[in-house]
Amino acid sequence: MFPVSAIKDYTAFDIALHLYVPGKYKQLKEIIVYGKPRRQDSIENRLQYDKIFRFTPGISLSNAAPESGIGVGLDLESLINVFRFRRNRSMMRFQERLIKEEQERYINYRFNEIIIEKLTPLEKGAAMQAFMRIYRPEYEWLTTVLDIELYMYIQMAAKEFENNPKSDYRKN
């Protein structure tokens, strides 16, 4: 074990575990893990629409004399904006739409055709589209589950989908 306070350079900190591997076991090939571009897209989206995401209707206070650090004043612009009802409703709807779009992109990122095709006998086409529409998970649930739990859900849902006699998309 290494105490965190004893690590001089965090960027050069590397731990190699040397283990004896008996002859019947083989060494695994190197695995390279790449970052998730969806997260970067989300960050860029938040930066681009920062003013919308931070929008909260109401009166705010500001420093009256920021140089001296003394006093608090009323932000005149926020006072005026309180009475701009149409603008406030429009900004709130736009904020809600941006959040909803971000959530939809997250669902699409985790619940997509490539993963479903790898985990189930379903192939791209009308059957997969019907499956994705019927069994599309909710954003709140997706944010709480691990990948393995999502994969188990997809496999169980695919079995249910395939065995559903009401489905016009059953596998022949």
N, C-alpha and C. Protein backbone atom coordinates (compact mmCIF):
# COMPACT_ATOMS: atom_id res chain seq x y z
N MET A 1 0.84 -1.18 0.00
CA MET A 1 0.00 0.00 0.00
C MET A 1 0.88 1.24 0.00
N PHE A 2 0.36 2.27 -0.61
CA PHE A 2 1.07 3.54 -0.67
C PHE A 2 0.18 4.62 -0.08
N PRO A 3 0.65 5.30 0.95
CA PRO A 3 -0.15 6.42 1.45
C PRO A 3 -0.17 7.54 0.41
N VAL A 4 -1.30 8.14 0.23
CA VAL A 4 -1.46 9.19 -0.78
C VAL A 4 -0.47 10.32 -0.56
N SER A 5 -0.19 10.65 0.67
CA SER A 5 0.74 11.75 0.94
C SER A 5 2.17 11.43 0.51
N ALA A 6 2.49 10.13 0.32
CA ALA A 6 3.84 9.75 -0.06
C ALA A 6 4.04 9.74 -1.57
N ILE A 7 2.99 9.90 -2.33
CA ILE A 7 3.10 9.89 -3.80
C ILE A 7 3.55 11.28 -4.24
N LYS A 8 4.73 11.35 -4.84
CA LYS A 8 5.30 12.63 -5.24
C LYS A 8 4.65 13.18 -6.51
N ASP A 9 4.57 12.34 -7.55
CA ASP A 9 4.03 12.78 -8.84
C ASP A 9 2.86 11.86 -9.20
N TYR A 10 1.64 12.39 -9.13
CA TYR A 10 0.45 11.58 -9.39
C TYR A 10 0.37 11.11 -10.84
N THR A 11 0.93 11.90 -11.76
CA THR A 11 0.85 11.54 -13.17
C THR A 11 1.78 10.39 -13.52
N ALA A 12 2.85 10.20 -12.74
CA ALA A 12 3.80 9.13 -13.02
C ALA A 12 3.59 7.93 -12.11
N PHE A 13 2.51 7.92 -11.37
CA PHE A 13 2.25 6.84 -10.44
C PHE A 13 1.70 5.65 -11.21
N ASP A 14 2.41 4.55 -11.17
CA ASP A 14 2.02 3.35 -11.90
C ASP A 14 2.30 2.15 -11.01
N ILE A 15 1.34 1.27 -10.94
CA ILE A 15 1.52 0.06 -10.14
C ILE A 15 1.48 -1.15 -11.06
N ALA A 16 2.48 -1.96 -10.96
CA ALA A 16 2.51 -3.21 -11.73
C ALA A 16 2.40 -4.35 -10.73
N LEU A 17 1.49 -5.25 -10.99
CA LEU A 17 1.32 -6.42 -10.14
C LEU A 17 2.02 -7.61 -10.81
N HIS A 18 2.98 -8.16 -10.14
CA HIS A 18 3.70 -9.31 -10.67
C HIS A 18 3.14 -10.56 -10.03
N LEU A 19 2.48 -11.37 -10.86
CA LEU A 19 1.84 -12.58 -10.37
C LEU A 19 2.41 -13.79 -11.08
N TYR A 20 2.51 -14.88 -10.37
CA TYR A 20 2.89 -16.13 -11.00
C TYR A 20 1.65 -16.73 -11.65
N VAL A 21 1.75 -17.05 -12.93
CA VAL A 21 0.65 -17.65 -13.66
C VAL A 21 1.04 -19.07 -14.02
N PRO A 22 0.34 -20.06 -13.47
CA PRO A 22 0.66 -21.45 -13.79
C PRO A 22 0.55 -21.71 -15.29
N GLY A 23 1.19 -22.77 -15.75
CA GLY A 23 1.30 -23.09 -17.17
C GLY A 23 -0.01 -23.23 -17.92
N LYS A 24 -1.08 -23.69 -17.28
CA LYS A 24 -2.31 -23.91 -18.03
C LYS A 24 -3.07 -22.61 -18.30
N TYR A 25 -2.62 -21.51 -17.68
CA TYR A 25 -3.28 -20.23 -17.92
C TYR A 25 -2.42 -19.41 -18.87
N LYS A 26 -3.09 -18.60 -19.69
CA LYS A 26 -2.36 -17.76 -20.64
C LYS A 26 -2.50 -16.30 -20.23
N GLN A 27 -1.51 -15.54 -20.60
CA GLN A 27 -1.54 -14.12 -20.32
C GLN A 27 -2.51 -13.45 -21.29
N LEU A 28 -3.31 -12.54 -20.78
CA LEU A 28 -4.25 -11.83 -21.63
C LEU A 28 -3.52 -10.78 -22.46
N LYS A 29 -4.09 -10.51 -23.61
CA LYS A 29 -3.53 -9.46 -24.47
C LYS A 29 -3.82 -8.10 -23.85
N GLU A 30 -3.02 -7.13 -24.24
CA GLU A 30 -3.20 -5.78 -23.73
C GLU A 30 -4.55 -5.23 -24.18
N ILE A 31 -5.23 -4.54 -23.28
CA ILE A 31 -6.51 -3.92 -23.58
C ILE A 31 -6.35 -2.42 -23.44
N ILE A 32 -6.77 -1.69 -24.45
CA ILE A 32 -6.71 -0.24 -24.42
C ILE A 32 -8.13 0.28 -24.29
N VAL A 33 -8.36 1.13 -23.32
CA VAL A 33 -9.68 1.70 -23.08
C VAL A 33 -9.65 3.16 -23.51
N TYR A 34 -10.61 3.52 -24.34
CA TYR A 34 -10.70 4.89 -24.82
C TYR A 34 -11.80 5.62 -24.06
N GLY A 35 -11.66 6.94 -23.96
CA GLY A 35 -12.67 7.75 -23.29
C GLY A 35 -13.98 7.74 -24.04
N LYS A 36 -15.02 8.17 -23.36
CA LYS A 36 -16.34 8.18 -23.95
C LYS A 36 -16.59 9.55 -24.60
N PRO A 37 -16.76 9.58 -25.92
CA PRO A 37 -16.98 10.87 -26.58
C PRO A 37 -18.33 11.49 -26.22
N ARG A 38 -19.30 10.68 -25.78
CA ARG A 38 -20.61 11.21 -25.41
C ARG A 38 -20.47 12.21 -24.28
N ARG A 39 -19.62 11.90 -23.34
CA ARG A 39 -19.42 12.79 -22.19
C ARG A 39 -18.85 14.13 -22.66
N GLN A 40 -17.89 14.10 -23.58
CA GLN A 40 -17.31 15.33 -24.09
C GLN A 40 -18.36 16.13 -24.85
N ASP A 41 -19.21 15.44 -25.63
CA ASP A 41 -20.28 16.14 -26.34
C ASP A 41 -21.22 16.82 -25.36
N SER A 42 -21.51 16.16 -24.27
CA SER A 42 -22.40 16.72 -23.25
C SER A 42 -21.77 17.97 -22.62
N ILE A 43 -20.49 17.90 -22.34
CA ILE A 43 -19.79 19.06 -21.76
C ILE A 43 -19.80 20.23 -22.73
N GLU A 44 -19.52 19.95 -24.01
CA GLU A 44 -19.53 21.01 -25.02
C GLU A 44 -20.92 21.62 -25.15
N ASN A 45 -21.96 20.77 -25.09
CA ASN A 45 -23.33 21.26 -25.16
C ASN A 45 -23.63 22.17 -23.97
N ARG A 46 -23.19 21.78 -22.78
CA ARG A 46 -23.41 22.59 -21.58
C ARG A 46 -22.68 23.93 -21.68
N LEU A 47 -21.47 23.92 -22.25
CA LEU A 47 -20.73 25.18 -22.40
C LEU A 47 -21.38 26.09 -23.43
N GLN A 48 -21.85 25.49 -24.53
CA GLN A 48 -22.46 26.27 -25.60
C GLN A 48 -23.74 26.95 -25.11
N TYR A 49 -24.54 26.25 -24.33
CA TYR A 49 -25.81 26.78 -23.85
C TYR A 49 -25.74 27.12 -22.35
N ASP A 50 -24.60 27.57 -21.91
CA ASP A 50 -24.38 27.87 -20.50
C ASP A 50 -25.40 28.85 -19.94
N LYS A 51 -25.70 29.90 -20.68
CA LYS A 51 -26.64 30.92 -20.22
C LYS A 51 -28.04 30.31 -20.01
N ILE A 52 -28.41 29.39 -20.88
CA ILE A 52 -29.73 28.75 -20.78
C ILE A 52 -29.76 27.78 -19.60
N PHE A 53 -28.70 26.97 -19.46
CA PHE A 53 -28.67 25.99 -18.37
C PHE A 53 -28.62 26.66 -16.99
N ARG A 54 -28.00 27.83 -16.90
CA ARG A 54 -27.90 28.53 -15.62
C ARG A 54 -29.09 29.45 -15.35
N PHE A 55 -30.01 29.55 -16.30
CA PHE A 55 -31.13 30.47 -16.16
C PHE A 55 -32.04 30.05 -15.01
N THR A 56 -32.29 30.99 -14.11
CA THR A 56 -33.28 30.81 -13.04
C THR A 56 -34.02 32.13 -12.91
N PRO A 57 -35.33 32.12 -13.10
CA PRO A 57 -36.07 33.38 -13.00
C PRO A 57 -36.09 33.86 -11.55
N GLY A 58 -36.06 35.15 -11.39
CA GLY A 58 -36.11 35.72 -10.04
C GLY A 58 -35.15 36.88 -9.89
N ILE A 59 -35.17 37.45 -8.73
CA ILE A 59 -34.31 38.61 -8.43
C ILE A 59 -33.02 38.10 -7.81
N SER A 60 -31.91 38.66 -8.27
CA SER A 60 -30.63 38.28 -7.68
C SER A 60 -29.93 39.52 -7.15
N LEU A 61 -29.00 39.29 -6.26
CA LEU A 61 -28.24 40.37 -5.65
C LEU A 61 -26.88 40.46 -6.31
N SER A 62 -26.29 41.62 -6.28
CA SER A 62 -24.95 41.80 -6.83
C SER A 62 -24.13 42.66 -5.88
N ASN A 63 -22.81 42.62 -6.05
CA ASN A 63 -21.93 43.48 -5.25
C ASN A 63 -22.09 44.91 -5.73
N ALA A 64 -22.34 45.81 -4.81
CA ALA A 64 -22.51 47.21 -5.17
C ALA A 64 -21.18 47.84 -5.57
N ALA A 65 -20.13 47.48 -4.85
CA ALA A 65 -18.81 48.02 -5.15
C ALA A 65 -17.81 46.86 -5.11
N PRO A 66 -17.67 46.14 -6.23
CA PRO A 66 -16.82 44.97 -6.21
C PRO A 66 -15.35 45.25 -5.86
N GLU A 67 -14.87 46.48 -6.16
CA GLU A 67 -13.47 46.80 -5.87
C GLU A 67 -13.22 46.83 -4.37
N SER A 68 -14.14 47.41 -3.64
CA SER A 68 -13.94 47.56 -2.21
C SER A 68 -14.45 46.35 -1.43
N GLY A 69 -15.33 45.55 -2.05
CA GLY A 69 -15.88 44.38 -1.38
C GLY A 69 -16.91 44.73 -0.35
N ILE A 70 -17.39 45.97 -0.39
CA ILE A 70 -18.36 46.42 0.60
C ILE A 70 -19.72 46.61 -0.07
N GLY A 71 -20.74 46.14 0.60
CA GLY A 71 -22.10 46.41 0.15
C GLY A 71 -22.65 45.37 -0.81
N VAL A 72 -23.95 45.30 -0.78
CA VAL A 72 -24.68 44.40 -1.66
C VAL A 72 -25.78 45.23 -2.29
N GLY A 73 -26.00 45.01 -3.58
CA GLY A 73 -27.03 45.77 -4.28
C GLY A 73 -27.98 44.87 -5.01
N LEU A 74 -29.02 45.46 -5.52
CA LEU A 74 -30.02 44.74 -6.29
C LEU A 74 -29.59 44.75 -7.75
N ASP A 75 -29.61 43.60 -8.37
CA ASP A 75 -29.25 43.51 -9.78
C ASP A 75 -30.43 44.04 -10.59
N LEU A 76 -30.26 45.19 -11.22
CA LEU A 76 -31.34 45.86 -11.94
C LEU A 76 -31.83 45.02 -13.11
N GLU A 77 -30.91 44.37 -13.81
CA GLU A 77 -31.31 43.55 -14.96
C GLU A 77 -32.20 42.38 -14.52
N SER A 78 -31.86 41.73 -13.41
CA SER A 78 -32.70 40.63 -12.93
C SER A 78 -34.06 41.13 -12.46
N LEU A 79 -34.11 42.34 -11.92
CA LEU A 79 -35.38 42.93 -11.51
C LEU A 79 -36.27 43.18 -12.74
N ILE A 80 -35.69 43.69 -13.79
CA ILE A 80 -36.44 43.93 -15.03
C ILE A 80 -36.90 42.59 -15.62
N ASN A 81 -36.02 41.61 -15.60
CA ASN A 81 -36.35 40.30 -16.19
C ASN A 81 -37.46 39.57 -15.45
N VAL A 82 -37.68 39.88 -14.19
CA VAL A 82 -38.76 39.26 -13.43
C VAL A 82 -40.10 39.54 -14.10
N PHE A 83 -40.24 40.71 -14.69
CA PHE A 83 -41.50 41.11 -15.31
C PHE A 83 -41.56 40.78 -16.80
N ARG A 84 -40.59 40.10 -17.31
CA ARG A 84 -40.59 39.66 -18.72
C ARG A 84 -41.09 38.22 -18.75
N PHE A 85 -42.40 38.05 -18.54
CA PHE A 85 -43.01 36.74 -18.35
C PHE A 85 -42.84 35.83 -19.58
N ARG A 86 -43.08 36.37 -20.76
CA ARG A 86 -42.97 35.57 -21.98
C ARG A 86 -41.54 35.07 -22.17
N ARG A 87 -40.59 35.97 -21.97
CA ARG A 87 -39.17 35.58 -22.10
C ARG A 87 -38.82 34.51 -21.08
N ASN A 88 -39.24 34.66 -19.85
CA ASN A 88 -38.93 33.68 -18.80
C ASN A 88 -39.52 32.31 -19.12
N ARG A 89 -40.79 32.29 -19.57
CA ARG A 89 -41.40 31.01 -19.96
C ARG A 89 -40.65 30.39 -21.12
N SER A 90 -40.28 31.21 -22.08
CA SER A 90 -39.55 30.72 -23.26
C SER A 90 -38.19 30.15 -22.85
N MET A 91 -37.49 30.86 -21.98
CA MET A 91 -36.18 30.39 -21.52
C MET A 91 -36.31 29.08 -20.75
N MET A 92 -37.33 28.97 -19.91
CA MET A 92 -37.54 27.74 -19.13
C MET A 92 -37.89 26.56 -20.05
N ARG A 93 -38.73 26.80 -21.05
CA ARG A 93 -39.07 25.73 -22.01
C ARG A 93 -37.83 25.30 -22.79
N PHE A 94 -37.02 26.28 -23.20
CA PHE A 94 -35.80 25.96 -23.94
C PHE A 94 -34.85 25.15 -23.06
N GLN A 95 -34.72 25.55 -21.80
CA GLN A 95 -33.87 24.82 -20.85
C GLN A 95 -34.36 23.38 -20.69
N GLU A 96 -35.67 23.21 -20.52
CA GLU A 96 -36.25 21.86 -20.39
C GLU A 96 -36.00 21.03 -21.64
N ARG A 97 -36.15 21.66 -22.81
CA ARG A 97 -35.91 20.94 -24.08
C ARG A 97 -34.45 20.51 -24.21
N LEU A 98 -33.53 21.40 -23.85
CA LEU A 98 -32.11 21.05 -23.92
C LEU A 98 -31.77 19.89 -22.97
N ILE A 99 -32.35 19.91 -21.78
CA ILE A 99 -32.11 18.83 -20.82
C ILE A 99 -32.70 17.53 -21.34
N LYS A 100 -33.91 17.59 -21.90
CA LYS A 100 -34.56 16.40 -22.46
C LYS A 100 -33.73 15.83 -23.62
N GLU A 101 -33.23 16.70 -24.50
CA GLU A 101 -32.38 16.23 -25.61
C GLU A 101 -31.10 15.58 -25.11
N GLU A 102 -30.51 16.15 -24.08
CA GLU A 102 -29.31 15.58 -23.49
C GLU A 102 -29.60 14.20 -22.91
N GLN A 103 -30.73 14.06 -22.25
CA GLN A 103 -31.12 12.77 -21.68
C GLN A 103 -31.39 11.74 -22.79
N GLU A 104 -32.05 12.16 -23.87
CA GLU A 104 -32.31 11.26 -25.00
C GLU A 104 -31.00 10.78 -25.63
N ARG A 105 -30.05 11.68 -25.77
CA ARG A 105 -28.74 11.28 -26.33
C ARG A 105 -28.05 10.28 -25.42
N TYR A 106 -28.20 10.44 -24.11
CA TYR A 106 -27.61 9.49 -23.17
C TYR A 106 -28.27 8.12 -23.30
N ILE A 107 -29.59 8.09 -23.42
CA ILE A 107 -30.30 6.82 -23.61
C ILE A 107 -29.83 6.17 -24.91
N ASN A 108 -29.76 6.95 -25.99
CA ASN A 108 -29.31 6.41 -27.28
C ASN A 108 -27.88 5.89 -27.21
N TYR A 109 -27.06 6.51 -26.40
CA TYR A 109 -25.67 6.09 -26.26
C TYR A 109 -25.58 4.73 -25.57
N ARG A 110 -26.37 4.51 -24.55
CA ARG A 110 -26.30 3.25 -23.79
C ARG A 110 -27.19 2.16 -24.32
N PHE A 111 -28.28 2.50 -24.98
CA PHE A 111 -29.25 1.53 -25.49
C PHE A 111 -29.29 1.70 -27.00
N ASN A 112 -28.38 1.02 -27.70
CA ASN A 112 -28.26 1.22 -29.14
C ASN A 112 -28.26 -0.11 -29.90
N GLU A 113 -28.39 -0.02 -31.21
CA GLU A 113 -28.50 -1.21 -32.06
C GLU A 113 -27.27 -2.11 -31.98
N ILE A 114 -26.10 -1.53 -31.87
CA ILE A 114 -24.87 -2.33 -31.83
C ILE A 114 -24.86 -3.23 -30.61
N ILE A 115 -25.18 -2.69 -29.45
CA ILE A 115 -25.20 -3.48 -28.21
C ILE A 115 -26.30 -4.54 -28.29
N ILE A 116 -27.47 -4.15 -28.76
CA ILE A 116 -28.58 -5.09 -28.84
C ILE A 116 -28.25 -6.22 -29.81
N GLU A 117 -27.62 -5.90 -30.91
CA GLU A 117 -27.24 -6.92 -31.89
C GLU A 117 -26.22 -7.90 -31.32
N LYS A 118 -25.31 -7.41 -30.48
CA LYS A 118 -24.31 -8.28 -29.87
C LYS A 118 -24.90 -9.18 -28.79
N LEU A 119 -25.90 -8.68 -28.08
CA LEU A 119 -26.44 -9.41 -26.93
C LEU A 119 -27.65 -10.28 -27.24
N THR A 120 -28.29 -10.05 -28.37
CA THR A 120 -29.53 -10.76 -28.67
C THR A 120 -29.48 -11.34 -30.08
N PRO A 121 -30.43 -12.21 -30.40
CA PRO A 121 -30.50 -12.73 -31.78
C PRO A 121 -31.14 -11.74 -32.75
N LEU A 122 -31.59 -10.60 -32.27
CA LEU A 122 -32.22 -9.61 -33.14
C LEU A 122 -31.20 -9.02 -34.11
N GLU A 123 -31.68 -8.79 -35.32
CA GLU A 123 -30.84 -8.15 -36.33
C GLU A 123 -31.46 -6.81 -36.70
N LYS A 124 -30.64 -5.94 -37.28
CA LYS A 124 -31.13 -4.62 -37.65
C LYS A 124 -32.31 -4.75 -38.60
N GLY A 125 -33.29 -3.89 -38.40
CA GLY A 125 -34.48 -3.93 -39.24
C GLY A 125 -35.71 -3.56 -38.43
N ALA A 126 -36.86 -3.93 -38.96
CA ALA A 126 -38.14 -3.57 -38.33
C ALA A 126 -38.28 -4.19 -36.95
N ALA A 127 -37.83 -5.43 -36.78
CA ALA A 127 -37.96 -6.10 -35.48
C ALA A 127 -37.14 -5.38 -34.42
N MET A 128 -35.92 -5.01 -34.77
CA MET A 128 -35.08 -4.32 -33.79
C MET A 128 -35.66 -2.94 -33.46
N GLN A 129 -36.16 -2.25 -34.46
CA GLN A 129 -36.76 -0.93 -34.21
C GLN A 129 -37.97 -1.05 -33.28
N ALA A 130 -38.78 -2.07 -33.50
CA ALA A 130 -39.94 -2.29 -32.62
C ALA A 130 -39.47 -2.62 -31.21
N PHE A 131 -38.46 -3.47 -31.10
CA PHE A 131 -37.91 -3.83 -29.79
C PHE A 131 -37.40 -2.59 -29.07
N MET A 132 -36.64 -1.76 -29.77
CA MET A 132 -36.06 -0.57 -29.16
C MET A 132 -37.14 0.42 -28.73
N ARG A 133 -38.22 0.49 -29.48
CA ARG A 133 -39.31 1.39 -29.12
C ARG A 133 -40.07 0.87 -27.89
N ILE A 134 -40.35 -0.44 -27.86
CA ILE A 134 -41.13 -1.02 -26.77
C ILE A 134 -40.35 -1.09 -25.47
N TYR A 135 -39.07 -1.46 -25.54
CA TYR A 135 -38.27 -1.70 -24.34
C TYR A 135 -37.27 -0.59 -24.03
N ARG A 136 -37.46 0.57 -24.62
CA ARG A 136 -36.55 1.71 -24.36
C ARG A 136 -36.58 2.06 -22.87
N PRO A 137 -35.43 2.03 -22.21
CA PRO A 137 -35.40 2.34 -20.77
C PRO A 137 -35.55 3.83 -20.50
N GLU A 138 -35.95 4.14 -19.29
CA GLU A 138 -36.08 5.53 -18.85
C GLU A 138 -34.70 6.07 -18.44
N TYR A 139 -34.51 7.36 -18.62
CA TYR A 139 -33.24 8.01 -18.30
C TYR A 139 -32.86 7.81 -16.83
N GLU A 140 -33.82 8.02 -15.93
CA GLU A 140 -33.53 7.93 -14.50
C GLU A 140 -33.01 6.54 -14.14
N TRP A 141 -33.62 5.50 -14.72
CA TRP A 141 -33.18 4.14 -14.44
C TRP A 141 -31.77 3.90 -15.01
N LEU A 142 -31.54 4.38 -16.23
CA LEU A 142 -30.23 4.17 -16.86
C LEU A 142 -29.09 4.81 -16.09
N THR A 143 -29.37 5.91 -15.42
CA THR A 143 -28.31 6.58 -14.67
C THR A 143 -27.95 5.83 -13.40
N THR A 144 -28.78 4.87 -12.99
CA THR A 144 -28.53 4.15 -11.74
C THR A 144 -27.99 2.74 -11.94
N VAL A 145 -28.02 2.21 -13.16
CA VAL A 145 -27.62 0.83 -13.37
C VAL A 145 -26.21 0.74 -13.96
N LEU A 146 -25.56 -0.37 -13.66
CA LEU A 146 -24.27 -0.68 -14.26
C LEU A 146 -24.50 -1.26 -15.65
N ASP A 147 -23.45 -1.30 -16.45
CA ASP A 147 -23.56 -1.86 -17.80
C ASP A 147 -24.07 -3.30 -17.76
N ILE A 148 -23.56 -4.10 -16.84
CA ILE A 148 -23.95 -5.51 -16.77
C ILE A 148 -25.44 -5.65 -16.48
N GLU A 149 -25.99 -4.77 -15.63
CA GLU A 149 -27.42 -4.79 -15.35
C GLU A 149 -28.24 -4.40 -16.58
N LEU A 150 -27.74 -3.44 -17.32
CA LEU A 150 -28.41 -3.04 -18.56
C LEU A 150 -28.38 -4.19 -19.56
N TYR A 151 -27.25 -4.86 -19.67
CA TYR A 151 -27.13 -5.98 -20.61
C TYR A 151 -28.06 -7.12 -20.23
N MET A 152 -28.20 -7.39 -18.95
CA MET A 152 -29.12 -8.43 -18.50
C MET A 152 -30.56 -8.03 -18.83
N TYR A 153 -30.89 -6.76 -18.65
CA TYR A 153 -32.22 -6.27 -19.00
C TYR A 153 -32.49 -6.46 -20.48
N ILE A 154 -31.51 -6.11 -21.32
CA ILE A 154 -31.68 -6.24 -22.77
C ILE A 154 -31.91 -7.71 -23.14
N GLN A 155 -31.14 -8.61 -22.56
CA GLN A 155 -31.30 -10.03 -22.88
C GLN A 155 -32.65 -10.56 -22.43
N MET A 156 -33.09 -10.20 -21.23
CA MET A 156 -34.40 -10.66 -20.75
C MET A 156 -35.52 -10.06 -21.59
N ALA A 157 -35.40 -8.79 -21.94
CA ALA A 157 -36.42 -8.14 -22.75
C ALA A 157 -36.48 -8.75 -24.15
N ALA A 158 -35.33 -9.12 -24.69
CA ALA A 158 -35.30 -9.74 -26.02
C ALA A 158 -36.00 -11.11 -26.00
N LYS A 159 -35.79 -11.89 -24.93
CA LYS A 159 -36.48 -13.18 -24.81
C LYS A 159 -37.99 -12.97 -24.73
N GLU A 160 -38.40 -11.99 -23.94
CA GLU A 160 -39.83 -11.68 -23.82
C GLU A 160 -40.39 -11.22 -25.16
N PHE A 161 -39.63 -10.41 -25.87
CA PHE A 161 -40.05 -9.89 -27.18
C PHE A 161 -40.20 -11.03 -28.18
N GLU A 162 -39.23 -11.94 -28.19
CA GLU A 162 -39.26 -13.07 -29.12
C GLU A 162 -40.42 -14.02 -28.82
N ASN A 163 -40.77 -14.18 -27.55
CA ASN A 163 -41.82 -15.12 -27.15
C ASN A 163 -43.21 -14.49 -27.14
N ASN A 164 -43.31 -13.23 -27.44
CA ASN A 164 -44.60 -12.53 -27.40
C ASN A 164 -45.41 -12.91 -28.64
N PRO A 165 -46.53 -13.62 -28.47
CA PRO A 165 -47.33 -14.02 -29.64
C PRO A 165 -48.02 -12.86 -30.32
N LYS A 166 -48.16 -11.72 -29.63
CA LYS A 166 -48.83 -10.56 -30.23
C LYS A 166 -47.88 -9.78 -31.13
N SER A 167 -46.61 -10.08 -31.05
CA SER A 167 -45.63 -9.33 -31.83
C SER A 167 -45.63 -9.78 -33.28
N ASP A 168 -45.69 -8.81 -34.17
CA ASP A 168 -45.61 -9.12 -35.61
C ASP A 168 -44.17 -9.30 -36.04
N TYR A 169 -43.24 -9.05 -35.13
CA TYR A 169 -41.83 -9.07 -35.49
C TYR A 169 -41.09 -10.26 -34.93
N ARG A 170 -41.81 -11.32 -34.55
CA ARG A 170 -41.15 -12.50 -34.01
C ARG A 170 -40.20 -13.08 -35.04
N LYS A 171 -39.16 -13.67 -34.56
CA LYS A 171 -38.15 -14.29 -35.44
C LYS A 171 -38.79 -15.54 -36.06
N ASN A 172 -38.58 -15.74 -37.35
CA ASN A 172 -39.15 -16.91 -38.06
C ASN A 172 -38.42 -18.18 -37.75
